[in-house]
Amino acid sequence: MSRASEPPPRGRGRLPPPPSALRPRPPPHARPCAEPGPGGMRRPRPRLPALPALLWLALAPLPGPAARAELRVRVRLPGGQVTEESLQADSGADCVSLELRAADGALVTLTADFRQEVKIFRALILGELERGQSQFQALCFVTRLHRNEIIPSESMAKLRQKNPRTVRQAEEVRGLEHLSMDVAVNFSKAAQLSSHIHNVCAEAREAIYTREEDVKFWLEKGVDGSMFEVLPQGSDLPELQRCRLCPDRWKPCICSYSLSIEWYPCMLKYCKSRDAAGRVSSYKCGIRSCQKGYTFDYYVPQKQLCLWDEET
């Protein structure tokens, strides 16, 4: 029996079905901050027209106790291409999400759950059909959300823009972050960590990763530790190689995946005003935009699940 016909080895991850078993369909778009409809289904949200080159914070109060908003901006990628980025905010659920298509065609989503202090990165990566992969492969990386990484949900919901044709580039480039994702997350139990994982990572239920240092933080907050499983490391398996160096597509290895959030509102700007009595006060008057890249290292049971990470 050839290796290609052998069942996949046990371990995290699962080999996608052959192309013949799939019906052509576009990758699903998770709307993590959308309101659920009856039976848990999300109601379709109307596609907003491009809003009326500088972003500013609306001074009018939010309608009602909470607000949902969506903003679409044009963003320049490193290679010069222009893509549309969607920014969503739900001040009631206290979350924001950003979604854009990378230059290689991957759909990248970042969801920030302020309430649970959780960040969720999801990537839908186009598969290589001629090499036995499915139409797309989904990955989720879950990390701790720190203060001041991104503007609050209520401020994001107030963002408006003039001139929708403007192509934006980040004012600040933040350093590349290299993360070792050494723990797997059980999808069926992950709602306790963040309710948004169920929507965002539904296509990646066998490929949800986090870090041991973040797990320790969440355990101290009372999260159930049974949802986490420590993955094999190089110290446990000396023969475990980087996938880019592994010659056998059916052997386990350490995969590396990189993504970049090209433009996001990372800080609020404050202006000062003086009243008739001469008292000085400050108010929110805009945002500062940032760009940040991430590289994630994680265990896969087969190099077939990491074909992009090859030596060139």
C-alpha atoms as a PDB file:
ATOM      1  CA  MET A   1       0.000   0.000   0.000  1.00  0.00           C
ATOM      2  CA  SER A   2       1.376   3.428  -0.906  1.00  0.00           C
ATOM      3  CA  ARG A   3       1.765   6.164   1.708  1.00  0.00           C
ATOM      4  CA  ALA A   4      -0.883   8.251  -0.029  1.00  0.00           C
ATOM      5  CA  SER A   5      -3.472   5.562   0.710  1.00  0.00           C
ATOM      6  CA  GLU A   6      -2.506   5.100   4.364  1.00  0.00           C
ATOM      7  CA  PRO A   7      -4.814   6.638   6.979  1.00  0.00           C
ATOM      8  CA  PRO A   8      -3.493   9.863   8.481  1.00  0.00           C
ATOM      9  CA  PRO A   9      -1.514   9.480  11.728  1.00  0.00           C
ATOM     10  CA  ARG A  10      -3.170  10.290  15.007  1.00  0.00           C
ATOM     11  CA  GLY A  11      -2.616  13.775  16.351  1.00  0.00           C
ATOM     12  CA  ARG A  12      -3.919  17.292  16.028  1.00  0.00           C
ATOM     13  CA  GLY A  13      -5.251  18.432  12.690  1.00  0.00           C
ATOM     14  CA  ARG A  14      -6.961  16.443   9.981  1.00  0.00           C
ATOM     15  CA  LEU A  15      -6.119  15.996   6.322  1.00  0.00           C
ATOM     16  CA  PRO A  16      -8.719  17.757   4.158  1.00  0.00           C
ATOM     17  CA  PRO A  17     -10.892  15.548   1.884  1.00  0.00           C
ATOM     18  CA  PRO A  18      -9.844  15.084  -1.761  1.00  0.00           C
ATOM     19  CA  PRO A  19     -11.058  17.746  -4.220  1.00  0.00           C
ATOM     20  CA  SER A  20     -13.546  15.314  -5.792  1.00  0.00           C
ATOM     21  CA  ALA A  21     -15.424  15.143  -2.481  1.00  0.00           C
ATOM     22  CA  LEU A  22     -16.009  18.882  -2.390  1.00  0.00           C
ATOM     23  CA  ARG A  23     -18.576  20.985  -4.112  1.00  0.00           C
ATOM     24  CA  PRO A  24     -17.185  24.320  -5.310  1.00  0.00           C
ATOM     25  CA  ARG A  25     -18.170  27.058  -2.885  1.00  0.00           C
ATOM     26  CA  PRO A  26     -16.554  30.271  -1.700  1.00  0.00           C
ATOM     27  CA  PRO A  27     -14.984  30.372   1.773  1.00  0.00           C
ATOM     28  CA  PRO A  28     -17.529  31.398   4.428  1.00  0.00           C
ATOM     29  CA  HIS A  29     -17.256  34.831   5.985  1.00  0.00           C
ATOM     30  CA  ALA A  30     -17.578  34.702   9.749  1.00  0.00           C
ATOM     31  CA  ARG A  31     -19.293  37.712  11.223  1.00  0.00           C
ATOM     32  CA  PRO A  32     -18.164  37.431  14.840  1.00  0.00           C
ATOM     33  CA  CYS A  33     -19.927  40.573  15.994  1.00  0.00           C
ATOM     34  CA  ALA A  34     -23.198  39.920  14.133  1.00  0.00           C
ATOM     35  CA  GLU A  35     -26.428  39.424  16.039  1.00  0.00           C
ATOM     36  CA  PRO A  36     -27.564  35.775  16.172  1.00  0.00           C
ATOM     37  CA  GLY A  37     -30.926  35.012  14.626  1.00  0.00           C
ATOM     38  CA  PRO A  38     -33.459  32.284  15.476  1.00  0.00           C
ATOM     39  CA  GLY A  39     -31.952  28.872  16.126  1.00  0.00           C
ATOM     40  CA  GLY A  40     -28.485  30.334  16.562  1.00  0.00           C
ATOM     41  CA  MET A  41     -28.218  31.377  12.896  1.00  0.00           C
ATOM     42  CA  ARG A  42     -26.813  34.828  12.233  1.00  0.00           C
ATOM     43  CA  ARG A  43     -29.182  37.203  10.500  1.00  0.00           C
ATOM     44  CA  PRO A  44     -27.777  38.479   7.189  1.00  0.00           C
ATOM     45  CA  ARG A  45     -26.455  41.970   7.613  1.00  0.00           C
ATOM     46  CA  PRO A  46     -27.098  44.507   4.864  1.00  0.00           C
ATOM     47  CA  ARG A  47     -23.977  45.434   2.934  1.00  0.00           C
ATOM     48  CA  LEU A  48     -23.295  49.033   3.744  1.00  0.00           C
ATOM     49  CA  PRO A  49     -22.321  51.411   0.950  1.00  0.00           C
ATOM     50  CA  ALA A  50     -18.917  53.058   1.128  1.00  0.00           C
ATOM     51  CA  LEU A  51     -19.226  55.712   3.793  1.00  0.00           C
ATOM     52  CA  PRO A  52     -18.656  59.350   3.111  1.00  0.00           C
ATOM     53  CA  ALA A  53      -9.282  60.682   3.485  1.00  0.00           C
ATOM     54  CA  LEU A  54      -9.171  61.001   7.160  1.00  0.00           C
ATOM     55  CA  LEU A  55     -11.081  59.019   9.782  1.00  0.00           C
ATOM     56  CA  TRP A  56     -12.608  60.868  12.670  1.00  0.00           C
ATOM     57  CA  LEU A  57     -14.660  60.027  15.731  1.00  0.00           C
ATOM     58  CA  ALA A  58     -18.261  61.118  15.481  1.00  0.00           C
ATOM     59  CA  LEU A  59     -19.238  63.329  18.360  1.00  0.00           C
ATOM     60  CA  ALA A  60     -22.907  62.310  18.323  1.00  0.00           C
ATOM     61  CA  PRO A  61     -23.888  59.770  21.004  1.00  0.00           C
ATOM     62  CA  LEU A  62     -24.407  56.144  20.003  1.00  0.00           C
ATOM     63  CA  PRO A  63     -28.040  55.240  19.216  1.00  0.00           C
ATOM     64  CA  GLY A  64     -29.438  53.345  22.215  1.00  0.00           C
ATOM     65  CA  PRO A  65     -27.489  51.552  24.931  1.00  0.00           C
ATOM     66  CA  ALA A  66     -25.280  49.719  22.414  1.00  0.00           C
ATOM     67  CA  ALA A  67     -24.436  50.017  18.732  1.00  0.00           C
ATOM     68  CA  ARG A  68     -23.245  47.834  15.892  1.00  0.00           C
ATOM     69  CA  ALA A  69     -21.382  49.444  13.047  1.00  0.00           C
ATOM     70  CA  GLU A  70     -19.438  48.450   9.977  1.00  0.00           C
ATOM     71  CA  LEU A  71     -16.854  50.473   8.104  1.00  0.00           C
ATOM     72  CA  ARG A  72     -15.124  49.590   4.835  1.00  0.00           C
ATOM     73  CA  VAL A  73     -11.779  51.146   3.980  1.00  0.00           C
ATOM     74  CA  ARG A  74      -9.350  50.671   1.098  1.00  0.00           C
ATOM     75  CA  VAL A  75      -5.895  49.527   2.224  1.00  0.00           C
ATOM     76  CA  ARG A  76      -2.594  49.197   0.346  1.00  0.00           C
ATOM     77  CA  LEU A  77      -0.789  45.863   0.716  1.00  0.00           C
ATOM     78  CA  PRO A  78       3.033  45.569   0.807  1.00  0.00           C
ATOM     79  CA  GLY A  79       3.237  44.555  -2.871  1.00  0.00           C
ATOM     80  CA  GLY A  80       1.278  47.641  -3.946  1.00  0.00           C
ATOM     81  CA  GLN A  81      -2.102  45.934  -4.410  1.00  0.00           C
ATOM     82  CA  VAL A  82      -5.173  47.566  -2.932  1.00  0.00           C
ATOM     83  CA  THR A  83      -7.713  45.563  -0.932  1.00  0.00           C
ATOM     84  CA  GLU A  84     -10.897  46.417   0.932  1.00  0.00           C
ATOM     85  CA  GLU A  85     -10.866  45.929   4.680  1.00  0.00           C
ATOM     86  CA  SER A  86     -14.019  45.522   6.748  1.00  0.00           C
ATOM     87  CA  LEU A  87     -14.106  46.796  10.330  1.00  0.00           C
ATOM     88  CA  GLN A  88     -17.041  45.797  12.545  1.00  0.00           C
ATOM     89  CA  ALA A  89     -17.826  46.861  16.085  1.00  0.00           C
ATOM     90  CA  ASP A  90     -20.461  45.798  18.586  1.00  0.00           C
ATOM     91  CA  SER A  91     -20.327  47.896  21.741  1.00  0.00           C
ATOM     92  CA  GLY A  92     -22.983  45.705  23.395  1.00  0.00           C
ATOM     93  CA  ALA A  93     -20.927  42.520  23.021  1.00  0.00           C
ATOM     94  CA  ASP A  94     -17.747  44.613  23.511  1.00  0.00           C
ATOM     95  CA  CYS A  95     -15.957  43.167  20.505  1.00  0.00           C
ATOM     96  CA  VAL A  96     -14.494  44.337  17.212  1.00  0.00           C
ATOM     97  CA  SER A  97     -13.405  42.454  14.125  1.00  0.00           C
ATOM     98  CA  LEU A  98     -11.294  43.291  11.085  1.00  0.00           C
ATOM     99  CA  GLU A  99     -11.242  41.285   7.873  1.00  0.00           C
ATOM    100  CA  LEU A 100      -9.151  41.622   4.719  1.00  0.00           C
ATOM    101  CA  ARG A 101      -7.900  39.505   1.844  1.00  0.00           C
ATOM    102  CA  ALA A 102      -4.113  39.144   1.763  1.00  0.00           C
ATOM    103  CA  ALA A 103      -2.012  39.361  -1.400  1.00  0.00           C
ATOM    104  CA  ASP A 104      -1.826  35.541  -1.632  1.00  0.00           C
ATOM    105  CA  GLY A 105      -5.624  35.265  -1.572  1.00  0.00           C
ATOM    106  CA  ALA A 106      -5.962  34.201   2.075  1.00  0.00           C
ATOM    107  CA  LEU A 107      -8.869  35.726   3.988  1.00  0.00           C
ATOM    108  CA  VAL A 108      -7.547  37.034   7.324  1.00  0.00           C
ATOM    109  CA  THR A 109      -9.792  37.947  10.262  1.00  0.00           C
ATOM    110  CA  LEU A 110      -8.893  39.442  13.640  1.00  0.00           C
ATOM    111  CA  THR A 111     -11.531  39.434  16.392  1.00  0.00           C
ATOM    112  CA  ALA A 112     -10.904  41.247  19.670  1.00  0.00           C
ATOM    113  CA  ASP A 113     -13.101  40.157  22.584  1.00  0.00           C
ATOM    114  CA  PHE A 114     -12.513  42.892  25.186  1.00  0.00           C
ATOM    115  CA  ARG A 115     -14.826  41.298  27.735  1.00  0.00           C
ATOM    116  CA  GLN A 116     -12.842  38.043  27.911  1.00  0.00           C
ATOM    117  CA  GLU A 117      -9.434  39.586  27.027  1.00  0.00           C
ATOM    118  CA  VAL A 118      -9.092  37.279  24.019  1.00  0.00           C
ATOM    119  CA  LYS A 119      -7.764  37.879  20.490  1.00  0.00           C
ATOM    120  CA  ILE A 120      -8.717  35.443  17.709  1.00  0.00           C
ATOM    121  CA  PHE A 121      -6.845  35.307  14.418  1.00  0.00           C
ATOM    122  CA  ARG A 122      -8.395  33.245  11.651  1.00  0.00           C
ATOM    123  CA  ALA A 123      -6.900  32.524   8.231  1.00  0.00           C
ATOM    124  CA  LEU A 124      -8.717  30.845   5.341  1.00  0.00           C
ATOM    125  CA  ILE A 125      -5.860  29.751   3.087  1.00  0.00           C
ATOM    126  CA  LEU A 126      -6.432  28.752  -0.520  1.00  0.00           C
ATOM    127  CA  GLY A 127      -5.632  25.062  -0.994  1.00  0.00           C
ATOM    128  CA  GLU A 128      -3.423  23.465  -3.650  1.00  0.00           C
ATOM    129  CA  LEU A 129      -5.916  21.194  -5.412  1.00  0.00           C
ATOM    130  CA  GLU A 130      -3.259  19.568  -7.572  1.00  0.00           C
ATOM    131  CA  ARG A 131      -1.482  18.405  -4.397  1.00  0.00           C
ATOM    132  CA  GLY A 132      -4.522  16.809  -2.786  1.00  0.00           C
ATOM    133  CA  GLN A 133      -5.686  19.710  -0.635  1.00  0.00           C
ATOM    134  CA  SER A 134      -9.239  21.025  -0.352  1.00  0.00           C
ATOM    135  CA  GLN A 135     -10.351  24.401  -1.683  1.00  0.00           C
ATOM    136  CA  PHE A 136      -9.256  26.157   1.478  1.00  0.00           C
ATOM    137  CA  GLN A 137      -7.628  25.359   4.808  1.00  0.00           C
ATOM    138  CA  ALA A 138      -8.711  27.107   8.008  1.00  0.00           C
ATOM    139  CA  LEU A 139      -6.475  28.004  10.964  1.00  0.00           C
ATOM    140  CA  CYS A 140      -7.302  29.772  14.234  1.00  0.00           C
ATOM    141  CA  PHE A 141      -4.793  31.265  16.669  1.00  0.00           C
ATOM    142  CA  VAL A 142      -6.088  32.461  20.042  1.00  0.00           C
ATOM    143  CA  THR A 143      -4.000  34.764  22.248  1.00  0.00           C
ATOM    144  CA  ARG A 144      -4.446  37.100  25.176  1.00  0.00           C
ATOM    145  CA  LEU A 145      -5.713  40.588  24.362  1.00  0.00           C
ATOM    146  CA  HIS A 146      -3.678  43.250  26.151  1.00  0.00           C
ATOM    147  CA  ARG A 147      -4.795  46.759  26.981  1.00  0.00           C
ATOM    148  CA  ASN A 148      -4.261  49.464  24.367  1.00  0.00           C
ATOM    149  CA  GLU A 149      -3.659  47.021  21.484  1.00  0.00           C
ATOM    150  CA  ILE A 150      -6.709  48.314  19.611  1.00  0.00           C
ATOM    151  CA  ILE A 151      -9.242  51.059  20.265  1.00  0.00           C
ATOM    152  CA  PRO A 152     -12.347  50.182  22.349  1.00  0.00           C
ATOM    153  CA  SER A 153     -15.466  48.811  20.667  1.00  0.00           C
ATOM    154  CA  GLU A 154     -17.567  51.906  21.444  1.00  0.00           C
ATOM    155  CA  SER A 155     -14.955  54.144  19.794  1.00  0.00           C
ATOM    156  CA  MET A 156     -14.688  51.803  16.793  1.00  0.00           C
ATOM    157  CA  ALA A 157     -18.485  51.965  16.384  1.00  0.00           C
ATOM    158  CA  LYS A 158     -18.272  55.772  16.074  1.00  0.00           C
ATOM    159  CA  LEU A 159     -15.695  55.813  13.281  1.00  0.00           C
ATOM    160  CA  ARG A 160     -16.705  57.534  10.044  1.00  0.00           C
ATOM    161  CA  GLN A 161     -14.717  58.537   6.991  1.00  0.00           C
ATOM    162  CA  LYS A 162     -14.697  61.072   4.194  1.00  0.00           C
ATOM    163  CA  ASN A 163     -13.729  60.203   0.614  1.00  0.00           C
ATOM    164  CA  PRO A 164     -14.185  56.397   0.404  1.00  0.00           C
ATOM    165  CA  ARG A 165     -11.765  56.215  -2.565  1.00  0.00           C
ATOM    166  CA  THR A 166      -8.775  57.095  -0.375  1.00  0.00           C
ATOM    167  CA  VAL A 167      -6.220  54.264  -0.096  1.00  0.00           C
ATOM    168  CA  ARG A 168      -4.879  54.075   3.448  1.00  0.00           C
ATOM    169  CA  GLN A 169      -1.486  53.102   4.850  1.00  0.00           C
ATOM    170  CA  ALA A 170      -0.729  52.722   8.536  1.00  0.00           C
ATOM    171  CA  GLU A 171       0.888  55.645  10.347  1.00  0.00           C
ATOM    172  CA  GLU A 172       2.873  53.280  12.603  1.00  0.00           C
ATOM    173  CA  VAL A 173       4.466  49.917  11.814  1.00  0.00           C
ATOM    174  CA  ARG A 174       4.615  47.812  14.970  1.00  0.00           C
ATOM    175  CA  GLY A 175       7.256  45.086  15.284  1.00  0.00           C
ATOM    176  CA  LEU A 176       6.757  41.537  14.015  1.00  0.00           C
ATOM    177  CA  GLU A 177       5.577  39.195  16.782  1.00  0.00           C
ATOM    178  CA  HIS A 178       6.800  35.569  16.682  1.00  0.00           C
ATOM    179  CA  LEU A 179       4.575  33.229  18.703  1.00  0.00           C
ATOM    180  CA  SER A 180       5.035  29.552  19.574  1.00  0.00           C
ATOM    181  CA  MET A 181       1.539  28.050  19.681  1.00  0.00           C
ATOM    182  CA  ASP A 182       2.211  25.004  21.828  1.00  0.00           C
ATOM    183  CA  VAL A 183      -1.337  24.215  23.017  1.00  0.00           C
ATOM    184  CA  ALA A 184      -4.419  23.001  21.102  1.00  0.00           C
ATOM    185  CA  VAL A 185      -7.920  24.263  21.983  1.00  0.00           C
ATOM    186  CA  ASN A 186     -10.928  21.934  22.040  1.00  0.00           C
ATOM    187  CA  PHE A 187     -13.555  23.609  19.839  1.00  0.00           C
ATOM    188  CA  SER A 188     -16.531  22.014  21.625  1.00  0.00           C
ATOM    189  CA  LYS A 189     -15.457  23.541  24.975  1.00  0.00           C
ATOM    190  CA  ALA A 190     -14.019  26.847  23.759  1.00  0.00           C
ATOM    191  CA  ALA A 191     -17.158  28.959  24.248  1.00  0.00           C
ATOM    192  CA  GLN A 192     -16.151  29.457  27.884  1.00  0.00           C
ATOM    193  CA  LEU A 193     -12.928  31.078  26.731  1.00  0.00           C
ATOM    194  CA  SER A 194     -14.751  33.311  24.227  1.00  0.00           C
ATOM    195  CA  SER A 195     -18.207  32.916  22.728  1.00  0.00           C
ATOM    196  CA  HIS A 196     -16.841  34.258  19.419  1.00  0.00           C
ATOM    197  CA  ILE A 197     -14.653  31.192  18.856  1.00  0.00           C
ATOM    198  CA  HIS A 198     -17.754  29.194  17.893  1.00  0.00           C
ATOM    199  CA  ASN A 199     -18.499  31.505  14.941  1.00  0.00           C
ATOM    200  CA  VAL A 200     -15.002  32.496  13.913  1.00  0.00           C
ATOM    201  CA  CYS A 201     -13.303  29.089  14.149  1.00  0.00           C
ATOM    202  CA  ALA A 202     -16.118  26.797  12.973  1.00  0.00           C
ATOM    203  CA  GLU A 203     -14.144  25.851   9.844  1.00  0.00           C
ATOM    204  CA  ALA A 204     -10.944  25.271  11.879  1.00  0.00           C
ATOM    205  CA  ARG A 205     -12.272  23.126  14.715  1.00  0.00           C
ATOM    206  CA  GLU A 206      -9.303  20.703  14.422  1.00  0.00           C
ATOM    207  CA  ALA A 207      -6.768  23.514  14.056  1.00  0.00           C
ATOM    208  CA  ILE A 208      -7.228  25.977  16.932  1.00  0.00           C
ATOM    209  CA  TYR A 209      -4.002  26.883  18.738  1.00  0.00           C
ATOM    210  CA  THR A 210      -2.887  28.996  21.685  1.00  0.00           C
ATOM    211  CA  ARG A 211       0.147  29.452  23.979  1.00  0.00           C
ATOM    212  CA  GLU A 212       0.885  27.937  27.356  1.00  0.00           C
ATOM    213  CA  GLU A 213       1.639  31.351  28.861  1.00  0.00           C
ATOM    214  CA  ASP A 214      -1.779  32.637  27.762  1.00  0.00           C
ATOM    215  CA  VAL A 215      -3.457  29.497  29.117  1.00  0.00           C
ATOM    216  CA  LYS A 216      -1.954  30.199  32.555  1.00  0.00           C
ATOM    217  CA  PHE A 217      -3.490  33.694  32.484  1.00  0.00           C
ATOM    218  CA  TRP A 218      -6.949  32.349  31.548  1.00  0.00           C
ATOM    219  CA  LEU A 219      -6.773  29.552  34.146  1.00  0.00           C
ATOM    220  CA  GLU A 220      -6.215  32.185  36.834  1.00  0.00           C
ATOM    221  CA  LYS A 221      -9.446  33.812  35.641  1.00  0.00           C
ATOM    222  CA  GLY A 222     -11.315  30.541  36.191  1.00  0.00           C
ATOM    223  CA  VAL A 223     -11.447  29.116  32.653  1.00  0.00           C
ATOM    224  CA  ASP A 224     -11.847  25.312  32.505  1.00  0.00           C
ATOM    225  CA  GLY A 225      -8.445  23.780  31.763  1.00  0.00           C
ATOM    226  CA  SER A 226      -9.918  20.649  30.132  1.00  0.00           C
ATOM    227  CA  MET A 227     -10.312  22.506  26.834  1.00  0.00           C
ATOM    228  CA  PHE A 228      -6.518  22.729  26.429  1.00  0.00           C
ATOM    229  CA  GLU A 229      -4.115  20.027  25.219  1.00  0.00           C
ATOM    230  CA  VAL A 230      -0.342  20.485  25.178  1.00  0.00           C
ATOM    231  CA  LEU A 231       1.111  19.692  21.743  1.00  0.00           C
ATOM    232  CA  PRO A 232       4.330  17.748  21.024  1.00  0.00           C
ATOM    233  CA  GLN A 233       7.464  19.891  21.083  1.00  0.00           C
ATOM    234  CA  GLY A 234      10.955  19.496  19.694  1.00  0.00           C
ATOM    235  CA  SER A 235      12.232  18.687  23.180  1.00  0.00           C
ATOM    236  CA  ASP A 236       9.756  15.781  23.339  1.00  0.00           C
ATOM    237  CA  LEU A 237      10.506  14.515  19.822  1.00  0.00           C
ATOM    238  CA  PRO A 238      14.111  15.248  18.823  1.00  0.00           C
ATOM    239  CA  GLU A 239      13.394  14.076  15.260  1.00  0.00           C
ATOM    240  CA  LEU A 240      10.618  16.694  14.866  1.00  0.00           C
ATOM    241  CA  GLN A 241      11.725  19.090  12.114  1.00  0.00           C
ATOM    242  CA  ARG A 242      10.522  22.364  10.746  1.00  0.00           C
ATOM    243  CA  CYS A 243       8.067  21.632   7.943  1.00  0.00           C
ATOM    244  CA  ARG A 244      10.153  23.615   5.462  1.00  0.00           C
ATOM    245  CA  LEU A 245      13.035  21.165   6.067  1.00  0.00           C
ATOM    246  CA  CYS A 246      10.950  17.979   6.230  1.00  0.00           C
ATOM    247  CA  PRO A 247      11.226  15.940   2.988  1.00  0.00           C
ATOM    248  CA  ASP A 248       8.241  13.666   3.722  1.00  0.00           C
ATOM    249  CA  ARG A 249       4.753  15.144   3.295  1.00  0.00           C
ATOM    250  CA  TRP A 250       3.249  12.516   5.628  1.00  0.00           C
ATOM    251  CA  LYS A 251       5.490  13.106   8.647  1.00  0.00           C
ATOM    252  CA  PRO A 252       4.695  15.410  11.589  1.00  0.00           C
ATOM    253  CA  CYS A 253       6.597  18.685  11.751  1.00  0.00           C
ATOM    254  CA  ILE A 254       6.519  22.249  13.131  1.00  0.00           C
ATOM    255  CA  CYS A 255       4.618  24.494  10.733  1.00  0.00           C
ATOM    256  CA  SER A 256       5.041  28.248  10.449  1.00  0.00           C
ATOM    257  CA  TYR A 257       2.344  30.627   9.219  1.00  0.00           C
ATOM    258  CA  SER A 258       2.612  34.403   8.891  1.00  0.00           C
ATOM    259  CA  LEU A 259      -0.128  37.000   8.543  1.00  0.00           C
ATOM    260  CA  SER A 260      -0.349  40.756   8.760  1.00  0.00           C
ATOM    261  CA  ILE A 261      -3.060  43.172   9.842  1.00  0.00           C
ATOM    262  CA  GLU A 262      -2.178  45.952   7.411  1.00  0.00           C
ATOM    263  CA  TRP A 263      -4.303  48.738   8.867  1.00  0.00           C
ATOM    264  CA  TYR A 264      -6.197  49.021  12.133  1.00  0.00           C
ATOM    265  CA  PRO A 265      -7.081  51.786  14.631  1.00  0.00           C
ATOM    266  CA  CYS A 266      -4.596  51.136  17.429  1.00  0.00           C
ATOM    267  CA  MET A 267      -4.874  54.305  19.540  1.00  0.00           C
ATOM    268  CA  LEU A 268      -7.180  57.230  20.182  1.00  0.00           C
ATOM    269  CA  LYS A 269      -6.043  60.801  19.609  1.00  0.00           C
ATOM    270  CA  TYR A 270      -7.066  63.509  22.064  1.00  0.00           C
ATOM    271  CA  CYS A 271      -7.454  67.234  21.438  1.00  0.00           C
ATOM    272  CA  LYS A 272      -7.706  70.022  24.020  1.00  0.00           C
ATOM    273  CA  SER A 273     -10.332  72.725  24.321  1.00  0.00           C
ATOM    274  CA  ARG A 274     -10.732  75.720  26.602  1.00  0.00           C
ATOM    275  CA  ASP A 275     -14.084  76.912  27.944  1.00  0.00           C
ATOM    276  CA  ALA A 276     -15.179  80.470  28.661  1.00  0.00           C
ATOM    277  CA  ALA A 277     -13.692  80.298  32.159  1.00  0.00           C
ATOM    278  CA  GLY A 278     -10.333  79.258  30.766  1.00  0.00           C
ATOM    279  CA  ARG A 279     -10.525  75.650  31.957  1.00  0.00           C
ATOM    280  CA  VAL A 280      -8.785  73.166  29.664  1.00  0.00           C
ATOM    281  CA  SER A 281     -10.347  69.795  28.893  1.00  0.00           C
ATOM    282  CA  SER A 282      -9.492  67.002  26.474  1.00  0.00           C
ATOM    283  CA  TYR A 283     -11.755  65.083  24.104  1.00  0.00           C
ATOM    284  CA  LYS A 284     -11.427  62.258  21.583  1.00  0.00           C
ATOM    285  CA  CYS A 285     -10.796  63.719  18.157  1.00  0.00           C
ATOM    286  CA  GLY A 286      -9.378  60.936  15.987  1.00  0.00           C
ATOM    287  CA  ILE A 287      -7.403  57.733  15.775  1.00  0.00           C
ATOM    288  CA  ARG A 288      -3.869  56.556  15.056  1.00  0.00           C
ATOM    289  CA  SER A 289      -3.537  53.640  12.630  1.00  0.00           C
ATOM    290  CA  CYS A 290      -1.043  50.776  12.907  1.00  0.00           C
ATOM    291  CA  GLN A 291       0.221  47.773  10.953  1.00  0.00           C
ATOM    292  CA  LYS A 292       1.421  44.621  12.687  1.00  0.00           C
ATOM    293  CA  GLY A 293       2.657  41.234  11.477  1.00  0.00           C
ATOM    294  CA  TYR A 294       2.566  37.879  13.261  1.00  0.00           C
ATOM    295  CA  THR A 295       4.315  34.553  12.712  1.00  0.00           C
ATOM    296  CA  PHE A 296       2.839  31.469  14.387  1.00  0.00           C
ATOM    297  CA  ASP A 297       4.729  28.194  14.909  1.00  0.00           C
ATOM    298  CA  TYR A 298       2.665  25.093  15.721  1.00  0.00           C
ATOM    299  CA  TYR A 299       2.681  21.291  15.458  1.00  0.00           C
ATOM    300  CA  VAL A 300       0.985  19.487  12.569  1.00  0.00           C
ATOM    301  CA  PRO A 301       0.662  15.665  12.271  1.00  0.00           C
ATOM    302  CA  GLN A 302       1.502  15.828   8.538  1.00  0.00           C
ATOM    303  CA  LYS A 303       3.466  18.243   6.391  1.00  0.00           C
ATOM    304  CA  GLN A 304       0.551  17.965   3.922  1.00  0.00           C
ATOM    305  CA  LEU A 305      -1.228  20.433   6.230  1.00  0.00           C
ATOM    306  CA  CYS A 306       1.584  22.976   5.812  1.00  0.00           C
ATOM    307  CA  LEU A 307       2.521  22.993   2.123  1.00  0.00           C
ATOM    308  CA  TRP A 308       3.090  26.779   2.044  1.00  0.00           C
ATOM    309  CA  ASP A 309       5.999  26.416   4.481  1.00  0.00           C
ATOM    310  CA  GLU A 310       8.602  24.972   2.135  1.00  0.00           C
ATOM    311  CA  GLU A 311      12.182  25.852   1.393  1.00  0.00           C
ATOM    312  CA  THR A 312      12.501  27.980  -1.746  1.00  0.00           C
END
